[in-house]
């Protein structure tokens, strides 16, 4: 797969370099001075020839053949595709499903959300005198 990617990349690069040369050549041709109309050759008009007239051949008339009539086969009637049969007027009762009781889940302990108060102790008195 990697070799295909390298090949594709090399191919795209070659195409881009080729288009650069074409672009340079086109610009070079556009920058050439226009040739004067005197140097262009004018050709004389082609002579007109009379159209030949051929005699039309007469088409003989042939008698038309008669097509024999064959008996047509009878096509059996099938229900049309896409047409659904009618629904019954009374739907059958469905059985009642009973679920087993769920096992009891242990309760998750509660995490306290209030921050307990921290008792505030006053700092010790200083023994220095002012």
C-alpha atoms as a PDB file:
ATOM      1  CA  UNK A   1       0.000   0.000   0.000  1.00  0.00           C
ATOM      2  CA  UNK A   2       2.875   2.353   0.776  1.00  0.00           C
ATOM      3  CA  UNK A   3       4.450   1.712  -2.618  1.00  0.00           C
ATOM      4  CA  UNK A   4       1.174   2.698  -4.300  1.00  0.00           C
ATOM      5  CA  UNK A   5       1.121   5.960  -2.325  1.00  0.00           C
ATOM      6  CA  UNK A   6       4.698   6.729  -3.407  1.00  0.00           C
ATOM      7  CA  UNK A   7       3.821   5.958  -7.010  1.00  0.00           C
ATOM      8  CA  UNK A   8       0.747   8.183  -6.870  1.00  0.00           C
ATOM      9  CA  UNK A   9       2.757  11.033  -5.331  1.00  0.00           C
ATOM     10  CA  UNK A  10       5.467  10.724  -8.010  1.00  0.00           C
ATOM     11  CA  UNK A  11       2.818  10.662 -10.726  1.00  0.00           C
ATOM     12  CA  UNK A  12       1.167  13.833  -9.403  1.00  0.00           C
ATOM     13  CA  UNK A  13       4.515  15.590  -9.160  1.00  0.00           C
ATOM     14  CA  UNK A  14       5.354  14.654 -12.762  1.00  0.00           C
ATOM     15  CA  UNK A  15       2.002  16.000 -13.916  1.00  0.00           C
ATOM     16  CA  UNK A  16       2.533  19.270 -12.065  1.00  0.00           C
ATOM     17  CA  UNK A  17       5.990  19.754 -13.602  1.00  0.00           C
ATOM     18  CA  UNK A  18       4.605  18.977 -17.055  1.00  0.00           C
ATOM     19  CA  UNK A  19       1.844  21.557 -16.637  1.00  0.00           C
ATOM     20  CA  UNK A  20       4.429  24.201 -15.664  1.00  0.00           C
ATOM     21  CA  UNK A  21       6.153  23.742 -19.036  1.00  0.00           C
ATOM     22  CA  UNK A  22       2.837  24.020 -20.855  1.00  0.00           C
ATOM     23  CA  UNK A  23       2.002  27.218 -18.994  1.00  0.00           C
ATOM     24  CA  UNK A  24       5.376  28.778 -19.864  1.00  0.00           C
ATOM     25  CA  UNK A  25       4.970  27.834 -23.526  1.00  0.00           C
ATOM     26  CA  UNK A  26       1.468  29.300 -23.652  1.00  0.00           C
ATOM     27  CA  UNK A  27       2.665  32.571 -22.114  1.00  0.00           C
ATOM     28  CA  UNK A  28       5.527  32.691 -24.637  1.00  0.00           C
ATOM     29  CA  UNK A  29       3.092  32.287 -27.521  1.00  0.00           C
ATOM     30  CA  UNK A  30       0.801  34.975 -26.156  1.00  0.00           C
ATOM     31  CA  UNK A  31       3.688  37.432 -25.885  1.00  0.00           C
ATOM     32  CA  UNK A  32       4.679  37.003 -29.544  1.00  0.00           C
ATOM     33  CA  UNK A  33       3.841  39.960 -31.788  1.00  0.00           C
ATOM     34  CA  UNK A  34       0.748  39.548 -33.912  1.00  0.00           C
ATOM     35  CA  UNK A  35       1.383  38.626 -37.540  1.00  0.00           C
ATOM     36  CA  UNK A  36       0.130  41.217 -39.998  1.00  0.00           C
ATOM     37  CA  UNK A  37      -2.853  40.221 -42.099  1.00  0.00           C
ATOM     38  CA  UNK A  38      -0.869  40.792 -45.337  1.00  0.00           C
ATOM     39  CA  UNK A  39       1.275  37.750 -44.731  1.00  0.00           C
ATOM     40  CA  UNK A  40      -1.691  35.454 -44.324  1.00  0.00           C
ATOM     41  CA  UNK A  41      -2.558  33.477 -47.388  1.00  0.00           C
ATOM     42  CA  UNK A  42      -6.064  33.689 -48.702  1.00  0.00           C
ATOM     43  CA  UNK A  43      -7.367  30.732 -50.616  1.00  0.00           C
ATOM     44  CA  UNK A  44      -9.748  31.090 -53.526  1.00  0.00           C
ATOM     45  CA  UNK A  45     -13.238  29.749 -52.979  1.00  0.00           C
ATOM     46  CA  UNK A  46     -13.881  26.213 -54.024  1.00  0.00           C
ATOM     47  CA  UNK A  47     -15.648  25.838 -57.338  1.00  0.00           C
ATOM     48  CA  UNK A  48     -19.235  24.712 -57.160  1.00  0.00           C
ATOM     49  CA  UNK A  49     -20.109  21.614 -59.110  1.00  0.00           C
ATOM     50  CA  UNK A  50     -23.597  20.849 -60.340  1.00  0.00           C
ATOM     51  CA  UNK A  51     -25.351  18.141 -58.439  1.00  0.00           C
ATOM     52  CA  UNK A  52     -25.807  14.985 -60.483  1.00  0.00           C
ATOM     53  CA  UNK A  53     -29.345  13.896 -61.049  1.00  0.00           C
ATOM     54  CA  UNK A  54     -29.958  10.181 -61.092  1.00  0.00           C
ATOM     55  CA  UNK A  55     -33.165   8.648 -62.277  1.00  0.00           C
ATOM     56  CA  UNK A  56     -35.225   7.336 -59.396  1.00  0.00           C
ATOM     57  CA  UNK A  57     -35.814   3.641 -59.642  1.00  0.00           C
ATOM     58  CA  UNK A  58     -39.421   2.601 -59.483  1.00  0.00           C
ATOM     59  CA  UNK A  59     -40.238   0.636 -56.394  1.00  0.00           C
ATOM     60  CA  UNK A  60     -42.371  -2.374 -57.200  1.00  0.00           C
ATOM     61  CA  UNK A  61     -45.413  -2.874 -55.040  1.00  0.00           C
ATOM     62  CA  UNK A  62     -45.703  -6.237 -53.376  1.00  0.00           C
ATOM     63  CA  UNK A  63     -48.825  -7.630 -51.798  1.00  0.00           C
ATOM     64  CA  UNK A  64     -48.828  -7.288 -48.026  1.00  0.00           C
ATOM     65  CA  UNK A  65     -48.720 -10.623 -46.224  1.00  0.00           C
ATOM     66  CA  UNK A  66     -51.629 -11.458 -44.010  1.00  0.00           C
ATOM     67  CA  UNK A  67     -50.763 -12.242 -40.407  1.00  0.00           C
ATOM     68  CA  UNK A  68     -52.614 -15.266 -39.051  1.00  0.00           C
ATOM     69  CA  UNK A  69     -54.500 -14.740 -35.827  1.00  0.00           C
ATOM     70  CA  UNK A  70     -53.486 -16.980 -32.956  1.00  0.00           C
ATOM     71  CA  UNK A  71     -55.596 -17.614 -29.879  1.00  0.00           C
ATOM     72  CA  UNK A  72     -54.576 -15.369 -27.012  1.00  0.00           C
ATOM     73  CA  UNK A  73     -53.643 -17.111 -23.762  1.00  0.00           C
ATOM     74  CA  UNK A  74     -55.713 -16.343 -20.724  1.00  0.00           C
ATOM     75  CA  UNK A  75     -53.766 -14.625 -17.966  1.00  0.00           C
ATOM     76  CA  UNK A  76     -54.652 -15.742 -14.436  1.00  0.00           C
ATOM     77  CA  UNK A  77     -55.499 -12.962 -12.023  1.00  0.00           C
ATOM     78  CA  UNK A  78     -52.912 -12.512  -9.306  1.00  0.00           C
ATOM     79  CA  UNK A  79     -53.033 -10.018  -6.474  1.00  0.00           C
ATOM     80  CA  UNK A  80     -51.418  -6.768  -7.433  1.00  0.00           C
ATOM     81  CA  UNK A  81     -47.914  -6.241  -6.048  1.00  0.00           C
ATOM     82  CA  UNK A  82     -47.723  -3.629  -3.358  1.00  0.00           C
ATOM     83  CA  UNK A  83     -51.289  -4.143  -2.139  1.00  0.00           C
ATOM     84  CA  UNK A  84     -51.442  -5.368   1.444  1.00  0.00           C
ATOM     85  CA  UNK A  85     -54.100  -7.793   2.615  1.00  0.00           C
ATOM     86  CA  UNK A  86     -56.748  -6.293   4.897  1.00  0.00           C
ATOM     87  CA  UNK A  87     -56.063  -6.278   8.627  1.00  0.00           C
ATOM     88  CA  UNK A  88     -58.263  -8.417  10.858  1.00  0.00           C
ATOM     89  CA  UNK A  89     -60.929  -6.461  12.671  1.00  0.00           C
ATOM     90  CA  UNK A  90     -60.022  -7.932  16.077  1.00  0.00           C
ATOM     91  CA  UNK A  91     -56.370  -8.384  17.033  1.00  0.00           C
ATOM     92  CA  UNK A  92     -55.508 -11.383  19.219  1.00  0.00           C
ATOM     93  CA  UNK A  93     -54.651 -10.606  22.824  1.00  0.00           C
ATOM     94  CA  UNK A  94     -51.003 -10.722  23.671  1.00  0.00           C
ATOM     95  CA  UNK A  95     -49.720 -12.623  26.671  1.00  0.00           C
ATOM     96  CA  UNK A  96     -48.927 -10.566  29.753  1.00  0.00           C
ATOM     97  CA  UNK A  97     -45.271 -10.580  30.710  1.00  0.00           C
ATOM     98  CA  UNK A  98     -44.426 -10.790  34.381  1.00  0.00           C
ATOM     99  CA  UNK A  99     -40.997  -9.715  35.556  1.00  0.00           C
ATOM    100  CA  UNK A 100     -39.145 -11.265  38.444  1.00  0.00           C
ATOM    101  CA  UNK A 101     -38.656  -8.956  41.430  1.00  0.00           C
ATOM    102  CA  UNK A 102     -35.386  -7.078  41.463  1.00  0.00           C
ATOM    103  CA  UNK A 103     -32.844  -7.983  44.141  1.00  0.00           C
ATOM    104  CA  UNK A 104     -32.453  -5.458  46.901  1.00  0.00           C
ATOM    105  CA  UNK A 105     -29.554  -3.085  46.416  1.00  0.00           C
ATOM    106  CA  UNK A 106     -27.589  -2.147  49.562  1.00  0.00           C
ATOM    107  CA  UNK A 107     -27.867   1.487  50.465  1.00  0.00           C
ATOM    108  CA  UNK A 108     -24.903   3.773  49.818  1.00  0.00           C
ATOM    109  CA  UNK A 109     -23.629   5.497  52.977  1.00  0.00           C
ATOM    110  CA  UNK A 110     -24.221   9.229  53.096  1.00  0.00           C
ATOM    111  CA  UNK A 111     -21.195  11.493  52.874  1.00  0.00           C
ATOM    112  CA  UNK A 112     -21.497  14.575  55.094  1.00  0.00           C
ATOM    113  CA  UNK A 113     -21.488  17.762  53.117  1.00  0.00           C
ATOM    114  CA  UNK A 114     -21.206  20.245  55.986  1.00  0.00           C
ATOM    115  CA  UNK A 115     -17.735  21.181  57.213  1.00  0.00           C
ATOM    116  CA  UNK A 116     -17.422  20.725  60.966  1.00  0.00           C
ATOM    117  CA  UNK A 117     -16.408  23.789  62.905  1.00  0.00           C
ATOM    118  CA  UNK A 118     -12.859  23.909  64.198  1.00  0.00           C
ATOM    119  CA  UNK A 119     -12.519  25.302  67.722  1.00  0.00           C
ATOM    120  CA  UNK A 120     -10.533  28.510  67.742  1.00  0.00           C
ATOM    121  CA  UNK A 121      -7.878  28.831  70.357  1.00  0.00           C
ATOM    122  CA  UNK A 122      -6.534  32.250  71.150  1.00  0.00           C
ATOM    123  CA  UNK A 123      -2.767  32.659  70.778  1.00  0.00           C
ATOM    124  CA  UNK A 124      -0.719  32.514  73.919  1.00  0.00           C
ATOM    125  CA  UNK A 125      -0.061  35.784  75.618  1.00  0.00           C
ATOM    126  CA  UNK A 126       3.323  37.299  74.975  1.00  0.00           C
ATOM    127  CA  UNK A 127       5.676  37.793  77.959  1.00  0.00           C
ATOM    128  CA  UNK A 128       7.508  40.755  76.534  1.00  0.00           C
ATOM    129  CA  UNK A 129       6.790  44.180  77.876  1.00  0.00           C
ATOM    130  CA  UNK A 130       6.528  47.168  75.654  1.00  0.00           C
END
